[in-house]
PDB file of N, CA and C in Angstrom:
ATOM      1  N   MET A   1     -14.309  23.326  91.404  1.00  0.00           N
ATOM      2  CA  MET A   1     -13.665  23.174  89.769  1.00  0.00           C
ATOM      3  C   MET A   1     -15.128  22.783  88.914  1.00  0.00           C
ATOM      4  N   GLY A   2     -16.219  22.702  89.730  1.00  0.00           N
ATOM      5  CA  GLY A   2     -17.302  22.513  89.284  1.00  0.00           C
ATOM      6  C   GLY A   2     -17.854  23.268  88.427  1.00  0.00           C
ATOM      7  N   SER A   3     -18.108  24.674  89.345  1.00  0.00           N
ATOM      8  CA  SER A   3     -18.973  25.944  88.520  1.00  0.00           C
ATOM      9  C   SER A   3     -18.113  26.577  87.381  1.00  0.00           C
ATOM     10  N   LEU A   4     -18.669  27.545  87.124  1.00  0.00           N
ATOM     11  CA  LEU A   4     -17.509  28.169  85.770  1.00  0.00           C
ATOM     12  C   LEU A   4     -18.140  30.384  86.602  1.00  0.00           C
ATOM     13  N   SER A   5     -16.856  30.411  86.905  1.00  0.00           N
ATOM     14  CA  SER A   5     -17.115  31.802  87.626  1.00  0.00           C
ATOM     15  C   SER A   5     -18.236  32.934  86.521  1.00  0.00           C
ATOM     16  N   ILE A   6     -17.966  34.460  86.494  1.00  0.00           N
ATOM     17  CA  ILE A   6     -18.672  34.924  85.867  1.00  0.00           C
ATOM     18  C   ILE A   6     -17.922  35.408  84.892  1.00  0.00           C
ATOM     19  N   TRP A   7     -16.271  35.163  84.959  1.00  0.00           N
ATOM     20  CA  TRP A   7     -14.904  35.424  84.373  1.00  0.00           C
ATOM     21  C   TRP A   7     -15.053  34.444  83.402  1.00  0.00           C
ATOM     22  N   HIS A   8     -15.487  33.409  83.767  1.00  0.00           N
ATOM     23  CA  HIS A   8     -14.928  32.536  82.782  1.00  0.00           C
ATOM     24  C   HIS A   8     -15.775  32.791  81.185  1.00  0.00           C
ATOM     25  N   TRP A   9     -17.753  33.258  81.586  1.00  0.00           N
ATOM     26  CA  TRP A   9     -18.502  32.896  80.911  1.00  0.00           C
ATOM     27  C   TRP A   9     -18.509  34.097  79.818  1.00  0.00           C
ATOM     28  N   LEU A  10     -17.456  35.426  80.316  1.00  0.00           N
ATOM     29  CA  LEU A  10     -16.613  36.102  80.000  1.00  0.00           C
ATOM     30  C   LEU A  10     -16.401  36.261  78.358  1.00  0.00           C
ATOM     31  N   ILE A  11     -15.567  35.298  79.095  1.00  0.00           N
ATOM     32  CA  ILE A  11     -14.276  34.747  77.958  1.00  0.00           C
ATOM     33  C   ILE A  11     -15.288  34.096  76.596  1.00  0.00           C
ATOM     34  N   VAL A  12     -15.763  33.351  77.229  1.00  0.00           N
ATOM     35  CA  VAL A  12     -16.523  31.992  76.154  1.00  0.00           C
ATOM     36  C   VAL A  12     -16.935  33.459  75.203  1.00  0.00           C
ATOM     37  N   LEU A  13     -18.188  34.434  75.881  1.00  0.00           N
ATOM     38  CA  LEU A  13     -18.763  36.040  75.081  1.00  0.00           C
ATOM     39  C   LEU A  13     -17.820  35.780  73.861  1.00  0.00           C
ATOM     40  N   VAL A  14     -17.017  36.242  74.345  1.00  0.00           N
ATOM     41  CA  VAL A  14     -15.206  36.749  73.829  1.00  0.00           C
ATOM     42  C   VAL A  14     -15.104  36.209  72.546  1.00  0.00           C
ATOM     43  N   VAL A  15     -15.317  34.883  72.768  1.00  0.00           N
ATOM     44  CA  VAL A  15     -14.331  34.651  71.965  1.00  0.00           C
ATOM     45  C   VAL A  15     -15.353  33.708  70.848  1.00  0.00           C
ATOM     46  N   VAL A  16     -16.923  33.451  71.668  1.00  0.00           N
ATOM     47  CA  VAL A  16     -17.770  33.860  70.380  1.00  0.00           C
ATOM     48  C   VAL A  16     -18.242  34.824  69.266  1.00  0.00           C
ATOM     49  N   LEU A  17     -17.785  35.834  70.149  1.00  0.00           N
ATOM     50  CA  LEU A  17     -18.346  37.125  69.291  1.00  0.00           C
ATOM     51  C   LEU A  17     -16.945  37.240  68.072  1.00  0.00           C
ATOM     52  N   LEU A  18     -15.951  37.121  68.667  1.00  0.00           N
ATOM     53  CA  LEU A  18     -15.180  36.154  67.701  1.00  0.00           C
ATOM     54  C   LEU A  18     -14.726  35.707  66.544  1.00  0.00           C
ATOM     55  N   ILE A  19     -15.390  34.586  66.728  1.00  0.00           N
ATOM     56  CA  ILE A  19     -15.360  33.927  65.941  1.00  0.00           C
ATOM     57  C   ILE A  19     -17.128  34.147  64.813  1.00  0.00           C
ATOM     58  N   PHE A  20     -17.902  34.368  65.458  1.00  0.00           N
ATOM     59  CA  PHE A  20     -18.844  34.724  64.225  1.00  0.00           C
ATOM     60  C   PHE A  20     -19.209  35.724  64.324  1.00  0.00           C
ATOM     61  N   GLY A  21     -18.914  37.012  65.157  1.00  0.00           N
ATOM     62  CA  GLY A  21     -19.314  38.428  64.983  1.00  0.00           C
ATOM     63  C   GLY A  21     -20.432  38.816  65.098  1.00  0.00           C
ATOM     64  N   THR A  22     -20.656  40.229  65.365  1.00  0.00           N
ATOM     65  CA  THR A  22     -21.923  40.600  66.246  1.00  0.00           C
ATOM     66  C   THR A  22     -22.738  40.457  64.935  1.00  0.00           C
ATOM     67  N   LYS A  23     -22.809  41.167  63.408  1.00  0.00           N
ATOM     68  CA  LYS A  23     -23.911  41.102  62.228  1.00  0.00           C
ATOM     69  C   LYS A  23     -24.619  39.719  62.677  1.00  0.00           C
ATOM     70  N   LYS A  24     -23.492  38.496  61.942  1.00  0.00           N
ATOM     71  CA  LYS A  24     -23.836  36.922  62.000  1.00  0.00           C
ATOM     72  C   LYS A  24     -24.382  36.500  63.265  1.00  0.00           C
ATOM     73  N   LEU A  25     -24.220  37.205  64.584  1.00  0.00           N
ATOM     74  CA  LEU A  25     -25.032  36.193  65.695  1.00  0.00           C
ATOM     75  C   LEU A  25     -27.229  37.588  66.075  1.00  0.00           C
ATOM     76  N   ARG A  26     -26.722  38.570  65.250  1.00  0.00           N
ATOM     77  CA  ARG A  26     -27.919  39.264  65.013  1.00  0.00           C
ATOM     78  C   ARG A  26     -28.950  38.274  63.843  1.00  0.00           C
ATOM     79  N   ASN A  27     -28.183  37.871  62.982  1.00  0.00           N
ATOM     80  CA  ASN A  27     -29.056  37.447  62.349  1.00  0.00           C
ATOM     81  C   ASN A  27     -30.041  36.054  62.867  1.00  0.00           C
ATOM     82  N   ILE A  28     -28.987  35.423  63.677  1.00  0.00           N
ATOM     83  CA  ILE A  28     -28.850  34.194  63.703  1.00  0.00           C
ATOM     84  C   ILE A  28     -30.648  34.334  65.332  1.00  0.00           C
ATOM     85  N   GLY A  29     -29.652  35.347  65.446  1.00  0.00           N
ATOM     86  CA  GLY A  29     -30.559  35.636  67.178  1.00  0.00           C
ATOM     87  C   GLY A  29     -32.813  36.191  65.817  1.00  0.00           C
ATOM     88  N   SER A  30     -32.489  36.502  65.305  1.00  0.00           N
ATOM     89  CA  SER A  30     -33.590  37.065  64.626  1.00  0.00           C
ATOM     90  C   SER A  30     -34.188  35.946  63.605  1.00  0.00           C
ATOM     91  N   ASP A  31     -33.854  35.365  62.802  1.00  0.00           N
ATOM     92  CA  ASP A  31     -34.210  34.377  62.801  1.00  0.00           C
ATOM     93  C   ASP A  31     -34.893  33.379  63.243  1.00  0.00           C
ATOM     94  N   LEU A  32     -34.537  33.214  64.545  1.00  0.00           N
ATOM     95  CA  LEU A  32     -34.828  32.185  65.223  1.00  0.00           C
ATOM     96  C   LEU A  32     -36.199  32.820  66.339  1.00  0.00           C
ATOM     97  N   GLY A  33     -36.428  34.552  66.361  1.00  0.00           N
ATOM     98  CA  GLY A  33     -36.906  35.084  66.725  1.00  0.00           C
ATOM     99  C   GLY A  33     -38.040  34.783  66.008  1.00  0.00           C
ATOM    100  N   GLY A  34     -38.000  34.765  64.880  1.00  0.00           N
ATOM    101  CA  GLY A  34     -38.797  34.911  63.699  1.00  0.00           C
ATOM    102  C   GLY A  34     -39.709  33.485  63.824  1.00  0.00           C
ATOM    103  N   ALA A  35     -38.749  32.579  63.966  1.00  0.00           N
ATOM    104  CA  ALA A  35     -39.724  30.707  64.282  1.00  0.00           C
ATOM    105  C   ALA A  35     -40.438  30.988  64.786  1.00  0.00           C
ATOM    106  N   VAL A  36     -39.694  31.464  66.393  1.00  0.00           N
ATOM    107  CA  VAL A  36     -41.274  30.897  67.200  1.00  0.00           C
ATOM    108  C   VAL A  36     -42.003  31.490  67.103  1.00  0.00           C
ATOM    109  N   LYS A  37     -42.199  33.393  66.682  1.00  0.00           N
ATOM    110  CA  LYS A  37     -43.539  33.742  66.819  1.00  0.00           C
ATOM    111  C   LYS A  37     -44.458  32.702  65.406  1.00  0.00           C
ATOM    112  N   GLY A  38     -43.844  32.591  64.639  1.00  0.00           N
ATOM    113  CA  GLY A  38     -44.675  32.063  63.775  1.00  0.00           C
ATOM    114  C   GLY A  38     -44.907  30.364  64.053  1.00  0.00           C
ATOM    115  N   PHE A  39     -43.756  29.729  64.638  1.00  0.00           N
ATOM    116  CA  PHE A  39     -44.972  28.723  65.459  1.00  0.00           C
ATOM    117  C   PHE A  39     -46.268  28.911  66.794  1.00  0.00           C
ATOM    118  N   LYS A  40     -45.538  30.191  67.188  1.00  0.00           N
ATOM    119  CA  LYS A  40     -47.309  30.841  68.405  1.00  0.00           C
ATOM    120  C   LYS A  40     -47.958  30.931  67.237  1.00  0.00           C
ATOM    121  N   GLU A  41     -48.014  31.088  66.495  1.00  0.00           N
ATOM    122  CA  GLU A  41     -49.125  32.038  65.057  1.00  0.00           C
ATOM    123  C   GLU A  41     -49.897  30.198  64.741  1.00  0.00           C
ATOM    124  N   GLY A  42     -48.996  29.964  64.257  1.00  0.00           N
ATOM    125  CA  GLY A  42     -50.171  28.780  64.096  1.00  0.00           C
ATOM    126  C   GLY A  42     -50.614  28.160  65.103  1.00  0.00           C
ATOM    127  N   MET A  43     -49.809  27.708  66.159  1.00  0.00           N
ATOM    128  CA  MET A  43     -50.337  27.216  67.466  1.00  0.00           C
ATOM    129  C   MET A  43     -52.119  27.510  67.584  1.00  0.00           C
ATOM    130  N   LYS A  44     -51.882  29.210  67.659  1.00  0.00           N
ATOM    131  CA  LYS A  44     -52.965  29.916  67.575  1.00  0.00           C
ATOM    132  C   LYS A  44     -54.739  29.334  66.916  1.00  0.00           C
ATOM    133  N   GLU A  45     -54.030  29.475  65.456  1.00  0.00           N
ATOM    134  CA  GLU A  45     -54.702  29.229  64.381  1.00  0.00           C
ATOM    135  C   GLU A  45     -55.007  27.630  64.507  1.00  0.00           C
ATOM    136  N   ASP A  46     -54.498  26.603  64.997  1.00  0.00           N
ATOM    137  CA  ASP A  46     -54.633  25.518  64.521  1.00  0.00           C
ATOM    138  C   ASP A  46     -55.584  24.913  66.304  1.00  0.00           C
ATOM    139  N   THR A  47     -55.894  26.045  66.831  1.00  0.00           N
ATOM    140  CA  THR A  47     -56.276  25.245  68.409  1.00  0.00           C
ATOM    141  C   THR A  47     -57.681  26.058  68.296  1.00  0.00           C
ATOM    142  N   PRO A  48     -58.728  24.752  67.954  1.00  0.00           N
ATOM    143  CA  PRO A  48     -59.845  25.235  67.610  1.00  0.00           C
ATOM    144  C   PRO A  48     -60.487  26.447  69.278  1.00  0.00           C
ATOM    145  N   LYS A  49     -61.711  27.336  68.925  1.00  0.00           N
ATOM    146  CA  LYS A  49     -62.666  28.014  70.326  1.00  0.00           C
ATOM    147  C   LYS A  49     -63.247  27.672  70.396  1.00  0.00           C
ATOM    148  N   LEU A  50     -63.362  27.408  72.547  1.00  0.00           N
ATOM    149  CA  LEU A  50     -64.585  26.511  72.463  1.00  0.00           C
ATOM    150  C   LEU A  50     -65.928  27.011  71.990  1.00  0.00           C
ATOM    151  N   ASN A  51     -66.363  28.787  72.131  1.00  0.00           N
ATOM    152  CA  ASN A  51     -67.171  29.402  71.449  1.00  0.00           C
ATOM    153  C   ASN A  51     -68.000  28.387  69.298  1.00  0.00           C
ATOM    154  N   GLU A  52     -66.655  28.402  68.628  1.00  0.00           N
ATOM    155  CA  GLU A  52     -66.575  27.939  67.571  1.00  0.00           C
ATOM    156  C   GLU A  52     -67.330  26.386  67.437  1.00  0.00           C
ATOM    157  N   THR A  53     -66.722  25.921  68.496  1.00  0.00           N
ATOM    158  CA  THR A  53     -67.168  23.963  68.178  1.00  0.00           C
ATOM    159  C   THR A  53     -68.283  24.443  69.198  1.00  0.00           C
ATOM    160  N   ALA A  54     -69.000  24.771  70.152  1.00  0.00           N
ATOM    161  CA  ALA A  54     -69.822  24.839  70.877  1.00  0.00           C
ATOM    162  C   ALA A  54     -71.234  25.782  69.348  1.00  0.00           C
ATOM    163  N   GLU A  55     -70.880  26.521  68.588  1.00  0.00           N
ATOM    164  CA  GLU A  55     -71.908  27.032  67.666  1.00  0.00           C
ATOM    165  C   GLU A  55     -71.622  26.200  66.816  1.00  0.00           C
ATOM    166  N   SER A  56     -71.209  24.835  66.269  1.00  0.00           N
ATOM    167  CA  SER A  56     -70.686  24.090  65.242  1.00  0.00           C
ATOM    168  C   SER A  56     -72.435  23.970  65.032  1.00  0.00           C
ATOM    169  N   GLY A  57     -72.868  23.115  65.807  1.00  0.00           N
ATOM    170  CA  GLY A  57     -74.030  21.909  65.582  1.00  0.00           C
ATOM    171  C   GLY A  57     -73.877  20.685  65.610  1.00  0.00           C
ATOM    172  N   ARG A  58     -72.513  19.989  65.846  1.00  0.00           N
ATOM    173  CA  ARG A  58     -72.225  18.704  65.010  1.00  0.00           C
ATOM    174  C   ARG A  58     -72.614  17.525  66.490  1.00  0.00           C
ATOM    175  N   THR A  59     -72.977  17.223  65.972  1.00  0.00           N
ATOM    176  CA  THR A  59     -73.346  15.980  67.277  1.00  0.00           C
ATOM    177  C   THR A  59     -72.801  14.840  67.348  1.00  0.00           C
ATOM    178  N   ILE A  60     -72.009  14.416  67.848  1.00  0.00           N
ATOM    179  CA  ILE A  60     -70.937  13.075  68.222  1.00  0.00           C
ATOM    180  C   ILE A  60     -72.502  11.977  69.043  1.00  0.00           C
ATOM    181  N   ASP A  61     -72.490  10.609  67.871  1.00  0.00           N
ATOM    182  CA  ASP A  61     -73.260  10.200  68.162  1.00  0.00           C
ATOM    183  C   ASP A  61     -72.431   8.359  68.143  1.00  0.00           C
ATOM    184  N   ALA A  62     -72.811   8.049  69.613  1.00  0.00           N
ATOM    185  CA  ALA A  62     -71.873   7.009  69.585  1.00  0.00           C
ATOM    186  C   ALA A  62     -72.599   5.893  70.657  1.00  0.00           C
ATOM    187  N   GLU A  63     -72.077   4.978  69.989  1.00  0.00           N
ATOM    188  CA  GLU A  63     -72.623   3.209  71.037  1.00  0.00           C
ATOM    189  C   GLU A  63     -72.070   2.657  72.003  1.00  0.00           C
ATOM    190  N   VAL A  64     -72.269   2.442  73.375  1.00  0.00           N
ATOM    191  CA  VAL A  64     -71.169   1.917  74.298  1.00  0.00           C
ATOM    192  C   VAL A  64     -71.593   0.200  74.185  1.00  0.00           C
ATOM    193  N   LYS A  65     -71.017  -0.561  74.301  1.00  0.00           N
ATOM    194  CA  LYS A  65     -70.946  -2.061  74.624  1.00  0.00           C
ATOM    195  C   LYS A  65     -69.837  -2.300  75.652  1.00  0.00           C
ATOM    196  N   ASP A  66     -70.933  -2.604  76.961  1.00  0.00           N
ATOM    197  CA  ASP A  66     -70.603  -3.114  78.380  1.00  0.00           C
ATOM    198  C   ASP A  66     -69.743  -4.729  77.470  1.00  0.00           C
ATOM    199  N   LYS A  67     -68.476  -4.642  78.415  1.00  0.00           N
ATOM    200  CA  LYS A  67     -68.271  -6.442  78.267  1.00  0.00           C
ATOM    201  C   LYS A  67     -67.676  -6.440  79.494  1.00  0.00           C
ATOM    202  N   HIS A  68     -68.690  -8.160  79.969  1.00  0.00           N
ATOM    203  CA  HIS A  68     -68.493  -8.505  80.944  1.00  0.00           C
ATOM    204  C   HIS A  68     -67.637 -10.290  81.019  1.00  0.00           C
ATOM    205  N   HIS A  69     -66.773  -9.819  81.965  1.00  0.00           N
ATOM    206  CA  HIS A  69     -65.664 -10.776  81.405  1.00  0.00           C
ATOM    207  C   HIS A  69     -65.903 -12.133  82.838  1.00  0.00           C
ATOM    208  N   SER A  70     -66.908 -13.411  82.555  1.00  0.00           N
ATOM    209  CA  SER A  70     -67.537 -14.378  83.799  1.00  0.00           C
ATOM    210  C   SER A  70     -65.895 -15.390  83.717  1.00  0.00           C
TER     211      SER A  70
END
């Protein structure tokens, strides 16, 4: 009783198709795919390449102070 068989999933699929229709589901799928593609492209643009950061010539100068507790 806890698991759903293939027949349950087929009935759910038919009900979803009847409610939303194939055209609306196709539009939702293409919109979702476009959003994922845009997200991946945005992540590629924000990630700096190792060669670019090494060739930029920037040097970070820092001083480390050690604290001793007695």
